[in-house]
PDB file of all heavy atoms in Angstrom:
ATOM      1  N   THR A   1      15.110  -7.859  -2.740  1.00  0.00           N
ATOM      2  CA  THR A   1      13.955  -7.634  -3.610  1.00  0.00           C
ATOM      3  C   THR A   1      12.697  -7.933  -2.792  1.00  0.00           C
ATOM      4  O   THR A   1      12.345  -9.091  -2.589  1.00  0.00           O
ATOM      5  CB  THR A   1      14.027  -8.526  -4.849  1.00  0.00           C
ATOM      6  OG1 THR A   1      14.383  -9.875  -4.446  1.00  0.00           O
ATOM      7  CG2 THR A   1      15.082  -8.015  -5.822  1.00  0.00           C
ATOM      8  N   PHE A   2      12.049  -6.880  -2.347  1.00  0.00           N
ATOM      9  CA  PHE A   2      10.947  -7.037  -1.405  1.00  0.00           C
ATOM     10  C   PHE A   2       9.598  -6.968  -2.111  1.00  0.00           C
ATOM     11  O   PHE A   2       9.348  -6.034  -2.878  1.00  0.00           O
ATOM     12  CB  PHE A   2      11.037  -5.967  -0.319  1.00  0.00           C
ATOM     13  CG  PHE A   2      12.201  -6.188   0.596  1.00  0.00           C
ATOM     14  CD1 PHE A   2      13.369  -5.455   0.454  1.00  0.00           C
ATOM     15  CD2 PHE A   2      12.150  -7.156   1.586  1.00  0.00           C
ATOM     16  CE1 PHE A   2      14.452  -5.662   1.284  1.00  0.00           C
ATOM     17  CE2 PHE A   2      13.230  -7.384   2.420  1.00  0.00           C
ATOM     18  CZ  PHE A   2      14.390  -6.641   2.267  1.00  0.00           C
ATOM     19  N   TRP A   3       8.742  -7.937  -1.812  1.00  0.00           N
ATOM     20  CA  TRP A   3       7.413  -7.998  -2.416  1.00  0.00           C
ATOM     21  C   TRP A   3       6.430  -7.209  -1.553  1.00  0.00           C
ATOM     22  O   TRP A   3       5.513  -7.741  -0.938  1.00  0.00           O
ATOM     23  CB  TRP A   3       7.027  -9.464  -2.633  1.00  0.00           C
ATOM     24  CG  TRP A   3       7.929 -10.105  -3.666  1.00  0.00           C
ATOM     25  CD1 TRP A   3       8.791  -9.458  -4.516  1.00  0.00           C
ATOM     26  CD2 TRP A   3       8.081 -11.487  -3.963  1.00  0.00           C
ATOM     27  NE1 TRP A   3       9.457 -10.353  -5.321  1.00  0.00           N
ATOM     28  CE2 TRP A   3       9.042 -11.607  -5.000  1.00  0.00           C
ATOM     29  CE3 TRP A   3       7.503 -12.651  -3.446  1.00  0.00           C
ATOM     30  CZ2 TRP A   3       9.423 -12.841  -5.527  1.00  0.00           C
ATOM     31  CZ3 TRP A   3       7.885 -13.874  -3.979  1.00  0.00           C
ATOM     32  CH2 TRP A   3       8.832 -13.966  -5.016  1.00  0.00           C
ATOM     33  N   THR A   4       6.665  -5.929  -1.564  1.00  0.00           N
ATOM     34  CA  THR A   4       5.954  -4.939  -0.741  1.00  0.00           C
ATOM     35  C   THR A   4       6.025  -3.605  -1.487  1.00  0.00           C
ATOM     36  O   THR A   4       7.061  -3.327  -2.111  1.00  0.00           O
ATOM     37  CB  THR A   4       6.660  -4.791   0.623  1.00  0.00           C
ATOM     38  OG1 THR A   4       6.652  -6.040   1.297  1.00  0.00           O
ATOM     39  CG2 THR A   4       5.984  -3.759   1.486  1.00  0.00           C
ATOM     40  N   PRO A   5       5.001  -2.751  -1.457  1.00  0.00           N
ATOM     41  CA  PRO A   5       3.787  -2.800  -0.640  1.00  0.00           C
ATOM     42  C   PRO A   5       2.585  -3.400  -1.358  1.00  0.00           C
ATOM     43  O   PRO A   5       2.574  -3.526  -2.582  1.00  0.00           O
ATOM     44  CB  PRO A   5       3.543  -1.319  -0.356  1.00  0.00           C
ATOM     45  CG  PRO A   5       4.002  -0.636  -1.618  1.00  0.00           C
ATOM     46  CD  PRO A   5       5.210  -1.422  -2.084  1.00  0.00           C
ATOM     47  N   ASN A   6       1.585  -3.748  -0.567  1.00  0.00           N
ATOM     48  CA  ASN A   6       0.304  -4.216  -1.078  1.00  0.00           C
ATOM     49  C   ASN A   6      -0.593  -2.999  -1.256  1.00  0.00           C
ATOM     50  O   ASN A   6      -1.043  -2.406  -0.280  1.00  0.00           O
ATOM     51  CB  ASN A   6      -0.320  -5.208  -0.086  1.00  0.00           C
ATOM     52  CG  ASN A   6      -1.636  -5.800  -0.566  1.00  0.00           C
ATOM     53  OD1 ASN A   6      -2.293  -5.264  -1.445  1.00  0.00           O
ATOM     54  ND2 ASN A   6      -2.023  -6.906   0.025  1.00  0.00           N
ATOM     55  N   VAL A   7      -0.834  -2.619  -2.508  1.00  0.00           N
ATOM     56  CA  VAL A   7      -1.661  -1.437  -2.781  1.00  0.00           C
ATOM     57  C   VAL A   7      -3.007  -1.821  -3.383  1.00  0.00           C
ATOM     58  O   VAL A   7      -3.644  -1.025  -4.084  1.00  0.00           O
ATOM     59  CB  VAL A   7      -0.928  -0.406  -3.676  1.00  0.00           C
ATOM     60  CG1 VAL A   7       0.205   0.241  -2.913  1.00  0.00           C
ATOM     61  CG2 VAL A   7      -0.420  -1.034  -4.966  1.00  0.00           C
ATOM     62  N   ASN A   8      -3.455  -3.047  -3.114  1.00  0.00           N
ATOM     63  CA  ASN A   8      -4.831  -3.387  -3.453  1.00  0.00           C
ATOM     64  C   ASN A   8      -5.787  -2.551  -2.615  1.00  0.00           C
ATOM     65  O   ASN A   8      -5.455  -2.120  -1.514  1.00  0.00           O
ATOM     66  CB  ASN A   8      -5.101  -4.868  -3.207  1.00  0.00           C
ATOM     67  CG  ASN A   8      -4.340  -5.770  -4.167  1.00  0.00           C
ATOM     68  OD1 ASN A   8      -3.701  -6.727  -3.750  1.00  0.00           O
ATOM     69  ND2 ASN A   8      -4.404  -5.472  -5.457  1.00  0.00           N
ATOM     70  N   ILE A   9      -6.971  -2.320  -3.144  1.00  0.00           N
ATOM     71  CA  ILE A   9      -7.973  -1.524  -2.444  1.00  0.00           C
ATOM     72  C   ILE A   9      -8.777  -2.433  -1.517  1.00  0.00           C
ATOM     73  O   ILE A   9      -9.285  -3.474  -1.934  1.00  0.00           O
ATOM     74  CB  ILE A   9      -8.897  -0.810  -3.448  1.00  0.00           C
ATOM     75  CG1 ILE A   9      -8.078   0.178  -4.292  1.00  0.00           C
ATOM     76  CG2 ILE A   9     -10.032  -0.093  -2.731  1.00  0.00           C
ATOM     77  CD1 ILE A   9      -7.352   1.249  -3.513  1.00  0.00           C
ATOM     78  N   PHE A  10      -8.891  -2.016  -0.264  1.00  0.00           N
ATOM     79  CA  PHE A  10      -9.635  -2.765   0.752  1.00  0.00           C
ATOM     80  C   PHE A  10     -11.126  -2.502   0.513  1.00  0.00           C
ATOM     81  O   PHE A  10     -11.797  -1.856   1.300  1.00  0.00           O
ATOM     82  CB  PHE A  10      -9.185  -2.279   2.132  1.00  0.00           C
ATOM     83  CG  PHE A  10      -9.466  -3.219   3.276  1.00  0.00           C
ATOM     84  CD1 PHE A  10      -8.992  -2.893   4.546  1.00  0.00           C
ATOM     85  CD2 PHE A  10     -10.173  -4.389   3.124  1.00  0.00           C
ATOM     86  CE1 PHE A  10      -9.229  -3.724   5.634  1.00  0.00           C
ATOM     87  CE2 PHE A  10     -10.420  -5.234   4.187  1.00  0.00           C
ATOM     88  CZ  PHE A  10      -9.948  -4.900   5.451  1.00  0.00           C
ATOM     89  N   ARG A  11     -11.620  -3.026  -0.604  1.00  0.00           N
ATOM     90  CA  ARG A  11     -12.976  -2.694  -1.063  1.00  0.00           C
ATOM     91  C   ARG A  11     -14.043  -3.322  -0.189  1.00  0.00           C
ATOM     92  O   ARG A  11     -15.174  -2.839  -0.133  1.00  0.00           O
ATOM     93  CB  ARG A  11     -13.174  -3.178  -2.504  1.00  0.00           C
ATOM     94  CG  ARG A  11     -13.139  -4.680  -2.585  1.00  0.00           C
ATOM     95  CD  ARG A  11     -13.404  -5.329  -3.908  1.00  0.00           C
ATOM     96  NE  ARG A  11     -13.271  -6.756  -3.704  1.00  0.00           N
ATOM     97  CZ  ARG A  11     -14.291  -7.577  -3.467  1.00  0.00           C
ATOM     98  NH1 ARG A  11     -15.522  -7.119  -3.464  1.00  0.00           N
ATOM     99  NH2 ARG A  11     -14.081  -8.849  -3.238  1.00  0.00           N
ATOM    100  N   ASP A  12     -13.722  -4.446   0.470  1.00  0.00           N
ATOM    101  CA  ASP A  12     -14.696  -5.146   1.297  1.00  0.00           C
ATOM    102  C   ASP A  12     -14.033  -5.508   2.617  1.00  0.00           C
ATOM    103  O   ASP A  12     -12.998  -6.185   2.627  1.00  0.00           O
ATOM    104  CB  ASP A  12     -15.193  -6.410   0.597  1.00  0.00           C
ATOM    105  CG  ASP A  12     -16.406  -7.019   1.280  1.00  0.00           C
ATOM    106  OD1 ASP A  12     -16.275  -7.420   2.458  1.00  0.00           O
ATOM    107  OD2 ASP A  12     -17.474  -7.100   0.653  1.00  0.00           O
ATOM    108  N   PRO A  13     -14.613  -5.065   3.752  1.00  0.00           N
ATOM    109  CA  PRO A  13     -13.935  -5.263   5.042  1.00  0.00           C
ATOM    110  C   PRO A  13     -13.838  -6.715   5.491  1.00  0.00           C
ATOM    111  O   PRO A  13     -13.176  -6.996   6.481  1.00  0.00           O
ATOM    112  CB  PRO A  13     -14.788  -4.444   6.015  1.00  0.00           C
ATOM    113  CG  PRO A  13     -16.120  -4.320   5.365  1.00  0.00           C
ATOM    114  CD  PRO A  13     -15.847  -4.283   3.890  1.00  0.00           C
ATOM    115  N   ARG A  14     -14.466  -7.628   4.746  1.00  0.00           N
ATOM    116  CA  ARG A  14     -14.370  -9.043   5.113  1.00  0.00           C
ATOM    117  C   ARG A  14     -13.066  -9.682   4.664  1.00  0.00           C
ATOM    118  O   ARG A  14     -12.748 -10.797   5.079  1.00  0.00           O
ATOM    119  CB  ARG A  14     -15.567  -9.806   4.521  1.00  0.00           C
ATOM    120  CG  ARG A  14     -16.876  -9.479   5.195  1.00  0.00           C
ATOM    121  CD  ARG A  14     -18.085  -9.954   4.422  1.00  0.00           C
ATOM    122  NE  ARG A  14     -18.355  -9.129   3.247  1.00  0.00           N
ATOM    123  CZ  ARG A  14     -19.531  -9.075   2.623  1.00  0.00           C
ATOM    124  NH1 ARG A  14     -20.547  -9.795   3.063  1.00  0.00           N
ATOM    125  NH2 ARG A  14     -19.701  -8.296   1.570  1.00  0.00           N
ATOM    126  N   TRP A  15     -12.312  -9.000   3.807  1.00  0.00           N
ATOM    127  CA  TRP A  15     -11.080  -9.583   3.266  1.00  0.00           C
ATOM    128  C   TRP A  15     -10.022  -9.661   4.359  1.00  0.00           C
ATOM    129  O   TRP A  15      -9.610  -8.642   4.930  1.00  0.00           O
ATOM    130  CB  TRP A  15     -10.576  -8.736   2.102  1.00  0.00           C
ATOM    131  CG  TRP A  15      -9.410  -9.337   1.376  1.00  0.00           C
ATOM    132  CD1 TRP A  15      -9.147 -10.656   1.160  1.00  0.00           C
ATOM    133  CD2 TRP A  15      -8.343  -8.608   0.741  1.00  0.00           C
ATOM    134  NE1 TRP A  15      -7.992 -10.806   0.437  1.00  0.00           N
ATOM    135  CE2 TRP A  15      -7.477  -9.572   0.173  1.00  0.00           C
ATOM    136  CE3 TRP A  15      -8.053  -7.258   0.595  1.00  0.00           C
ATOM    137  CZ2 TRP A  15      -6.324  -9.206  -0.529  1.00  0.00           C
ATOM    138  CZ3 TRP A  15      -6.919  -6.892  -0.103  1.00  0.00           C
ATOM    139  CH2 TRP A  15      -6.064  -7.861  -0.662  1.00  0.00           C
ATOM    140  N   GLY A  16      -9.528 -10.859   4.626  1.00  0.00           N
ATOM    141  CA  GLY A  16      -8.560 -11.063   5.690  1.00  0.00           C
ATOM    142  C   GLY A  16      -7.232 -10.392   5.459  1.00  0.00           C
ATOM    143  O   GLY A  16      -6.511 -10.078   6.421  1.00  0.00           O
ATOM    144  N   ARG A  17      -6.880 -10.163   4.191  1.00  0.00           N
ATOM    145  CA  ARG A  17      -5.599  -9.530   3.889  1.00  0.00           C
ATOM    146  C   ARG A  17      -5.704  -8.010   3.799  1.00  0.00           C
ATOM    147  O   ARG A  17      -4.710  -7.338   3.495  1.00  0.00           O
ATOM    148  CB  ARG A  17      -5.012 -10.082   2.588  1.00  0.00           C
ATOM    149  CG  ARG A  17      -4.681 -11.555   2.645  1.00  0.00           C
ATOM    150  CD  ARG A  17      -3.891 -12.004   1.420  1.00  0.00           C
ATOM    151  NE  ARG A  17      -2.521 -11.510   1.444  1.00  0.00           N
ATOM    152  CZ  ARG A  17      -1.629 -11.766   0.481  1.00  0.00           C
ATOM    153  NH1 ARG A  17      -1.971 -12.476  -0.579  1.00  0.00           N
ATOM    154  NH2 ARG A  17      -0.393 -11.305   0.578  1.00  0.00           N
ATOM    155  N   GLY A  18      -6.889  -7.486   4.068  1.00  0.00           N
ATOM    156  CA  GLY A  18      -7.031  -6.033   4.028  1.00  0.00           C
ATOM    157  C   GLY A  18      -6.088  -5.331   4.988  1.00  0.00           C
ATOM    158  O   GLY A  18      -5.711  -4.176   4.767  1.00  0.00           O
ATOM    159  N   GLN A  19      -5.684  -6.021   6.061  1.00  0.00           N
ATOM    160  CA  GLN A  19      -4.729  -5.449   7.012  1.00  0.00           C
ATOM    161  C   GLN A  19      -3.407  -5.082   6.360  1.00  0.00           C
ATOM    162  O   GLN A  19      -2.677  -4.221   6.865  1.00  0.00           O
ATOM    163  CB  GLN A  19      -4.465  -6.437   8.141  1.00  0.00           C
ATOM    164  CG  GLN A  19      -3.830  -7.748   7.684  1.00  0.00           C
ATOM    165  CD  GLN A  19      -3.473  -8.667   8.831  1.00  0.00           C
ATOM    166  OE1 GLN A  19      -2.525  -8.406   9.557  1.00  0.00           O
ATOM    167  NE2 GLN A  19      -4.231  -9.740   8.997  1.00  0.00           N
ATOM    168  N   GLU A  20      -3.078  -5.710   5.235  1.00  0.00           N
ATOM    169  CA  GLU A  20      -1.814  -5.448   4.543  1.00  0.00           C
ATOM    170  C   GLU A  20      -1.868  -4.193   3.685  1.00  0.00           C
ATOM    171  O   GLU A  20      -0.835  -3.756   3.163  1.00  0.00           O
ATOM    172  CB  GLU A  20      -1.456  -6.621   3.627  1.00  0.00           C
ATOM    173  CG  GLU A  20      -1.328  -7.955   4.310  1.00  0.00           C
ATOM    174  CD  GLU A  20      -1.157  -9.081   3.294  1.00  0.00           C
ATOM    175  OE1 GLU A  20      -0.648  -8.809   2.190  1.00  0.00           O
ATOM    176  OE2 GLU A  20      -1.539 -10.219   3.596  1.00  0.00           O
ATOM    177  N   THR A  21      -3.067  -3.635   3.501  1.00  0.00           N
ATOM    178  CA  THR A  21      -3.251  -2.529   2.571  1.00  0.00           C
ATOM    179  C   THR A  21      -3.267  -1.191   3.293  1.00  0.00           C
ATOM    180  O   THR A  21      -3.223  -1.121   4.523  1.00  0.00           O
ATOM    181  CB  THR A  21      -4.574  -2.693   1.792  1.00  0.00           C
ATOM    182  OG1 THR A  21      -5.683  -2.351   2.664  1.00  0.00           O
ATOM    183  CG2 THR A  21      -4.748  -4.120   1.297  1.00  0.00           C
ATOM    184  N   TYR A  22      -3.417  -0.124   2.504  1.00  0.00           N
ATOM    185  CA  TYR A  22      -3.557   1.216   3.060  1.00  0.00           C
ATOM    186  C   TYR A  22      -5.012   1.677   3.044  1.00  0.00           C
ATOM    187  O   TYR A  22      -5.285   2.880   3.074  1.00  0.00           O
ATOM    188  CB  TYR A  22      -2.664   2.197   2.298  1.00  0.00           C
ATOM    189  CG  TYR A  22      -1.200   1.837   2.352  1.00  0.00           C
ATOM    190  CD1 TYR A  22      -0.448   1.684   1.187  1.00  0.00           C
ATOM    191  CD2 TYR A  22      -0.555   1.615   3.565  1.00  0.00           C
ATOM    192  CE1 TYR A  22       0.896   1.340   1.241  1.00  0.00           C
ATOM    193  CE2 TYR A  22       0.786   1.277   3.624  1.00  0.00           C
ATOM    194  CZ  TYR A  22       1.507   1.139   2.453  1.00  0.00           C
ATOM    195  OH  TYR A  22       2.844   0.796   2.503  1.00  0.00           O
ATOM    196  N   GLY A  23      -5.947   0.719   3.019  1.00  0.00           N
ATOM    197  CA  GLY A  23      -7.346   1.056   3.194  1.00  0.00           C
ATOM    198  C   GLY A  23      -8.158   1.063   1.920  1.00  0.00           C
ATOM    199  O   GLY A  23      -7.764   0.524   0.885  1.00  0.00           O
ATOM    200  N   GLU A  24      -9.327   1.720   1.994  1.00  0.00           N
ATOM    201  CA  GLU A  24     -10.330   1.621   0.939  1.00  0.00           C
ATOM    202  C   GLU A  24     -10.238   2.707  -0.116  1.00  0.00           C
ATOM    203  O   GLU A  24     -10.938   2.633  -1.135  1.00  0.00           O
ATOM    204  CB  GLU A  24     -11.728   1.646   1.558  1.00  0.00           C
ATOM    205  CG  GLU A  24     -12.160   2.992   2.108  1.00  0.00           C
ATOM    206  CD  GLU A  24     -13.525   2.934   2.790  1.00  0.00           C
ATOM    207  OE1 GLU A  24     -13.902   1.859   3.283  1.00  0.00           O
ATOM    208  OE2 GLU A  24     -14.206   3.970   2.835  1.00  0.00           O
ATOM    209  N   ASP A  25      -9.430   3.704   0.089  1.00  0.00           N
ATOM    210  CA  ASP A  25      -9.435   4.861  -0.807  1.00  0.00           C
ATOM    211  C   ASP A  25      -8.238   4.851  -1.747  1.00  0.00           C
ATOM    212  O   ASP A  25      -7.091   4.729  -1.303  1.00  0.00           O
ATOM    213  CB  ASP A  25      -9.415   6.153   0.004  1.00  0.00           C
ATOM    214  CG  ASP A  25      -9.482   7.370  -0.887  1.00  0.00           C
ATOM    215  OD1 ASP A  25     -10.568   7.642  -1.415  1.00  0.00           O
ATOM    216  OD2 ASP A  25      -8.442   8.022  -1.091  1.00  0.00           O
ATOM    217  N   PRO A  26      -8.467   5.012  -3.054  1.00  0.00           N
ATOM    218  CA  PRO A  26      -7.342   4.975  -4.004  1.00  0.00           C
ATOM    219  C   PRO A  26      -6.362   6.129  -3.850  1.00  0.00           C
ATOM    220  O   PRO A  26      -5.161   5.956  -4.085  1.00  0.00           O
ATOM    221  CB  PRO A  26      -8.019   4.994  -5.380  1.00  0.00           C
ATOM    222  CG  PRO A  26      -9.419   5.424  -5.138  1.00  0.00           C
ATOM    223  CD  PRO A  26      -9.768   5.054  -3.746  1.00  0.00           C
ATOM    224  N   PHE A  27      -6.840   7.305  -3.441  1.00  0.00           N
ATOM    225  CA  PHE A  27      -5.924   8.439  -3.285  1.00  0.00           C
ATOM    226  C   PHE A  27      -5.023   8.242  -2.077  1.00  0.00           C
ATOM    227  O   PHE A  27      -3.799   8.411  -2.160  1.00  0.00           O
ATOM    228  CB  PHE A  27      -6.711   9.749  -3.164  1.00  0.00           C
ATOM    229  CG  PHE A  27      -5.830  10.962  -3.033  1.00  0.00           C
ATOM    230  CD1 PHE A  27      -5.253  11.542  -4.151  1.00  0.00           C
ATOM    231  CD2 PHE A  27      -5.569  11.526  -1.792  1.00  0.00           C
ATOM    232  CE1 PHE A  27      -4.426  12.662  -4.035  1.00  0.00           C
ATOM    233  CE2 PHE A  27      -4.758  12.646  -1.663  1.00  0.00           C
ATOM    234  CZ  PHE A  27      -4.181  13.206  -2.788  1.00  0.00           C
ATOM    235  N   LEU A  28      -5.603   7.903  -0.929  1.00  0.00           N
ATOM    236  CA  LEU A  28      -4.791   7.648   0.264  1.00  0.00           C
ATOM    237  C   LEU A  28      -3.807   6.519   0.006  1.00  0.00           C
ATOM    238  O   LEU A  28      -2.618   6.610   0.374  1.00  0.00           O
ATOM    239  CB  LEU A  28      -5.690   7.305   1.451  1.00  0.00           C
ATOM    240  CG  LEU A  28      -4.972   6.902   2.739  1.00  0.00           C
ATOM    241  CD1 LEU A  28      -4.131   8.049   3.285  1.00  0.00           C
ATOM    242  CD2 LEU A  28      -5.969   6.423   3.792  1.00  0.00           C
ATOM    243  N   THR A  29      -4.278   5.447  -0.625  1.00  0.00           N
ATOM    244  CA  THR A  29      -3.401   4.318  -0.925  1.00  0.00           C
ATOM    245  C   THR A  29      -2.245   4.750  -1.813  1.00  0.00           C
ATOM    246  O   THR A  29      -1.096   4.347  -1.599  1.00  0.00           O
ATOM    247  CB  THR A  29      -4.212   3.194  -1.604  1.00  0.00           C
ATOM    248  OG1 THR A  29      -5.239   2.750  -0.708  1.00  0.00           O
ATOM    249  CG2 THR A  29      -3.325   2.012  -1.968  1.00  0.00           C
ATOM    250  N   SER A  30      -2.540   5.585  -2.794  1.00  0.00           N
ATOM    251  CA  SER A  30      -1.487   6.068  -3.702  1.00  0.00           C
ATOM    252  C   SER A  30      -0.430   6.859  -2.955  1.00  0.00           C
ATOM    253  O   SER A  30       0.775   6.646  -3.120  1.00  0.00           O
ATOM    254  CB  SER A  30      -2.103   6.946  -4.800  1.00  0.00           C
ATOM    255  OG  SER A  30      -3.008   6.221  -5.594  1.00  0.00           O
ATOM    256  N   ARG A  31      -0.880   7.813  -2.111  1.00  0.00           N
ATOM    257  CA  ARG A  31       0.080   8.684  -1.439  1.00  0.00           C
ATOM    258  C   ARG A  31       0.940   7.915  -0.438  1.00  0.00           C
ATOM    259  O   ARG A  31       2.149   8.127  -0.345  1.00  0.00           O
ATOM    260  CB  ARG A  31      -0.640   9.825  -0.707  1.00  0.00           C
ATOM    261  CG  ARG A  31      -1.503  10.742  -1.545  1.00  0.00           C
ATOM    262  CD  ARG A  31      -1.048  11.010  -2.954  1.00  0.00           C
ATOM    263  NE  ARG A  31       0.364  11.385  -3.033  1.00  0.00           N
ATOM    264  CZ  ARG A  31       1.115  11.213  -4.110  1.00  0.00           C
ATOM    265  NH1 ARG A  31       0.618  10.642  -5.188  1.00  0.00           N
ATOM    266  NH2 ARG A  31       2.366  11.590  -4.122  1.00  0.00           N
ATOM    267  N   MET A  32       0.320   7.026   0.326  1.00  0.00           N
ATOM    268  CA  MET A  32       1.105   6.249   1.293  1.00  0.00           C
ATOM    269  C   MET A  32       2.029   5.285   0.549  1.00  0.00           C
ATOM    270  O   MET A  32       3.197   5.101   0.926  1.00  0.00           O
ATOM    271  CB  MET A  32       0.180   5.491   2.233  1.00  0.00           C
ATOM    272  CG  MET A  32      -0.759   6.380   3.044  1.00  0.00           C
ATOM    273  SD  MET A  32       0.068   7.612   4.080  1.00  0.00           S
ATOM    274  CE  MET A  32       0.487   6.597   5.504  1.00  0.00           C
ATOM    275  N   GLY A  33       1.526   4.652  -0.512  1.00  0.00           N
ATOM    276  CA  GLY A  33       2.331   3.700  -1.277  1.00  0.00           C
ATOM    277  C   GLY A  33       3.517   4.346  -1.964  1.00  0.00           C
ATOM    278  O   GLY A  33       4.629   3.810  -1.958  1.00  0.00           O
ATOM    279  N   VAL A  34       3.304   5.510  -2.576  1.00  0.00           N
ATOM    280  CA  VAL A  34       4.392   6.226  -3.256  1.00  0.00           C
ATOM    281  C   VAL A  34       5.509   6.547  -2.269  1.00  0.00           C
ATOM    282  O   VAL A  34       6.702   6.337  -2.557  1.00  0.00           O
ATOM    283  CB  VAL A  34       3.861   7.512  -3.925  1.00  0.00           C
ATOM    284  CG1 VAL A  34       5.000   8.484  -4.238  1.00  0.00           C
ATOM    285  CG2 VAL A  34       3.100   7.174  -5.201  1.00  0.00           C
ATOM    286  N   ASN A  35       5.150   7.038  -1.111  1.00  0.00           N
ATOM    287  CA  ASN A  35       6.174   7.411  -0.133  1.00  0.00           C
ATOM    288  C   ASN A  35       6.863   6.193   0.466  1.00  0.00           C
ATOM    289  O   ASN A  35       8.064   6.246   0.763  1.00  0.00           O
ATOM    290  CB  ASN A  35       5.549   8.283   0.950  1.00  0.00           C
ATOM    291  CG  ASN A  35       5.367   9.714   0.494  1.00  0.00           C
ATOM    292  OD1 ASN A  35       6.294  10.502   0.490  1.00  0.00           O
ATOM    293  ND2 ASN A  35       4.163  10.042   0.053  1.00  0.00           N
ATOM    294  N   PHE A  36       6.133   5.089   0.627  1.00  0.00           N
ATOM    295  CA  PHE A  36       6.777   3.871   1.101  1.00  0.00           C
ATOM    296  C   PHE A  36       7.820   3.393   0.098  1.00  0.00           C
ATOM    297  O   PHE A  36       8.950   3.039   0.476  1.00  0.00           O
ATOM    298  CB  PHE A  36       5.735   2.774   1.345  1.00  0.00           C
ATOM    299  CG  PHE A  36       6.299   1.565   2.039  1.00  0.00           C
ATOM    300  CD1 PHE A  36       6.199   1.434   3.412  1.00  0.00           C
ATOM    301  CD2 PHE A  36       6.954   0.560   1.330  1.00  0.00           C
ATOM    302  CE1 PHE A  36       6.740   0.327   4.068  1.00  0.00           C
ATOM    303  CE2 PHE A  36       7.492  -0.542   1.959  1.00  0.00           C
ATOM    304  CZ  PHE A  36       7.381  -0.665   3.340  1.00  0.00           C
ATOM    305  N   VAL A  37       7.470   3.379  -1.180  1.00  0.00           N
ATOM    306  CA  VAL A  37       8.405   2.918  -2.203  1.00  0.00           C
ATOM    307  C   VAL A  37       9.630   3.820  -2.278  1.00  0.00           C
ATOM    308  O   VAL A  37      10.774   3.351  -2.338  1.00  0.00           O
ATOM    309  CB  VAL A  37       7.704   2.831  -3.576  1.00  0.00           C
ATOM    310  CG1 VAL A  37       8.717   2.608  -4.700  1.00  0.00           C
ATOM    311  CG2 VAL A  37       6.668   1.715  -3.574  1.00  0.00           C
ATOM    312  N   LYS A  38       9.411   5.118  -2.263  1.00  0.00           N
ATOM    313  CA  LYS A  38      10.541   6.048  -2.351  1.00  0.00           C
ATOM    314  C   LYS A  38      11.502   5.866  -1.179  1.00  0.00           C
ATOM    315  O   LYS A  38      12.726   5.877  -1.356  1.00  0.00           O
ATOM    316  CB  LYS A  38      10.032   7.488  -2.402  1.00  0.00           C
ATOM    317  CG  LYS A  38       9.420   7.888  -3.734  1.00  0.00           C
ATOM    318  CD  LYS A  38       8.996   9.351  -3.725  1.00  0.00           C
ATOM    319  CE  LYS A  38       8.512   9.800  -5.096  1.00  0.00           C
ATOM    320  NZ  LYS A  38       8.093  11.228  -5.109  1.00  0.00           N
ATOM    321  N   GLY A  39      10.963   5.715   0.012  1.00  0.00           N
ATOM    322  CA  GLY A  39      11.827   5.529   1.176  1.00  0.00           C
ATOM    323  C   GLY A  39      12.582   4.224   1.128  1.00  0.00           C
ATOM    324  O   GLY A  39      13.772   4.163   1.448  1.00  0.00           O
ATOM    325  N   LEU A  40      11.908   3.148   0.734  1.00  0.00           N
ATOM    326  CA  LEU A  40      12.541   1.834   0.705  1.00  0.00           C
ATOM    327  C   LEU A  40      13.641   1.773  -0.349  1.00  0.00           C
ATOM    328  O   LEU A  40      14.735   1.260  -0.081  1.00  0.00           O
ATOM    329  CB  LEU A  40      11.493   0.756   0.429  1.00  0.00           C
ATOM    330  CG  LEU A  40      11.985  -0.687   0.464  1.00  0.00           C
ATOM    331  CD1 LEU A  40      12.395  -1.084   1.871  1.00  0.00           C
ATOM    332  CD2 LEU A  40      10.913  -1.639  -0.066  1.00  0.00           C
ATOM    333  N   GLN A  41      13.363   2.296  -1.532  1.00  0.00           N
ATOM    334  CA  GLN A  41      14.329   2.191  -2.632  1.00  0.00           C
ATOM    335  C   GLN A  41      15.479   3.186  -2.493  1.00  0.00           C
ATOM    336  O   GLN A  41      16.551   2.973  -3.071  1.00  0.00           O
ATOM    337  CB  GLN A  41      13.618   2.358  -3.975  1.00  0.00           C
ATOM    338  CG  GLN A  41      12.645   1.222  -4.248  1.00  0.00           C
ATOM    339  CD  GLN A  41      12.106   1.185  -5.672  1.00  0.00           C
ATOM    340  OE1 GLN A  41      11.568   0.170  -6.094  1.00  0.00           O
ATOM    341  NE2 GLN A  41      12.232   2.242  -6.434  1.00  0.00           N
ATOM    342  N   GLY A  42      15.282   4.237  -1.717  1.00  0.00           N
ATOM    343  CA  GLY A  42      16.357   5.185  -1.474  1.00  0.00           C
ATOM    344  C   GLY A  42      16.496   6.211  -2.579  1.00  0.00           C
ATOM    345  O   GLY A  42      15.836   6.142  -3.615  1.00  0.00           O
ATOM    346  N   ASP A  43      17.388   7.158  -2.352  1.00  0.00           N
ATOM    347  CA  ASP A  43      17.550   8.261  -3.301  1.00  0.00           C
ATOM    348  C   ASP A  43      18.934   8.314  -3.926  1.00  0.00           C
ATOM    349  O   ASP A  43      19.340   9.349  -4.460  1.00  0.00           O
ATOM    350  CB  ASP A  43      17.234   9.587  -2.620  1.00  0.00           C
ATOM    351  CG  ASP A  43      18.095   9.838  -1.379  1.00  0.00           C
ATOM    352  OD1 ASP A  43      19.013   9.034  -1.109  1.00  0.00           O
ATOM    353  OD2 ASP A  43      17.845  10.849  -0.692  1.00  0.00           O
ATOM    354  N   ASP A  44      19.682   7.212  -3.848  1.00  0.00           N
ATOM    355  CA  ASP A  44      20.982   7.209  -4.514  1.00  0.00           C
ATOM    356  C   ASP A  44      20.764   7.275  -6.028  1.00  0.00           C
ATOM    357  O   ASP A  44      19.920   6.557  -6.568  1.00  0.00           O
ATOM    358  CB  ASP A  44      21.761   5.929  -4.157  1.00  0.00           C
ATOM    359  CG  ASP A  44      23.183   5.975  -4.687  1.00  0.00           C
ATOM    360  OD1 ASP A  44      24.055   6.513  -3.980  1.00  0.00           O
ATOM    361  OD2 ASP A  44      23.410   5.486  -5.812  1.00  0.00           O
TER     362      ASP A  44
END
C-alpha cells in the first residue's frame, strides 16, 4: 500500500516538497498522476 503519488499543486516554488509533485499545472499533474496510478496498480 504505497502513499504515492503526491498530486498537490506546486503553487509556490519556495515549497521544499514541490520536488515530489508534477509541477504547477492541474492538467499536467492530472495526466501524469493518472498514468502513474494506472501503471502502479496494474490491469489485472
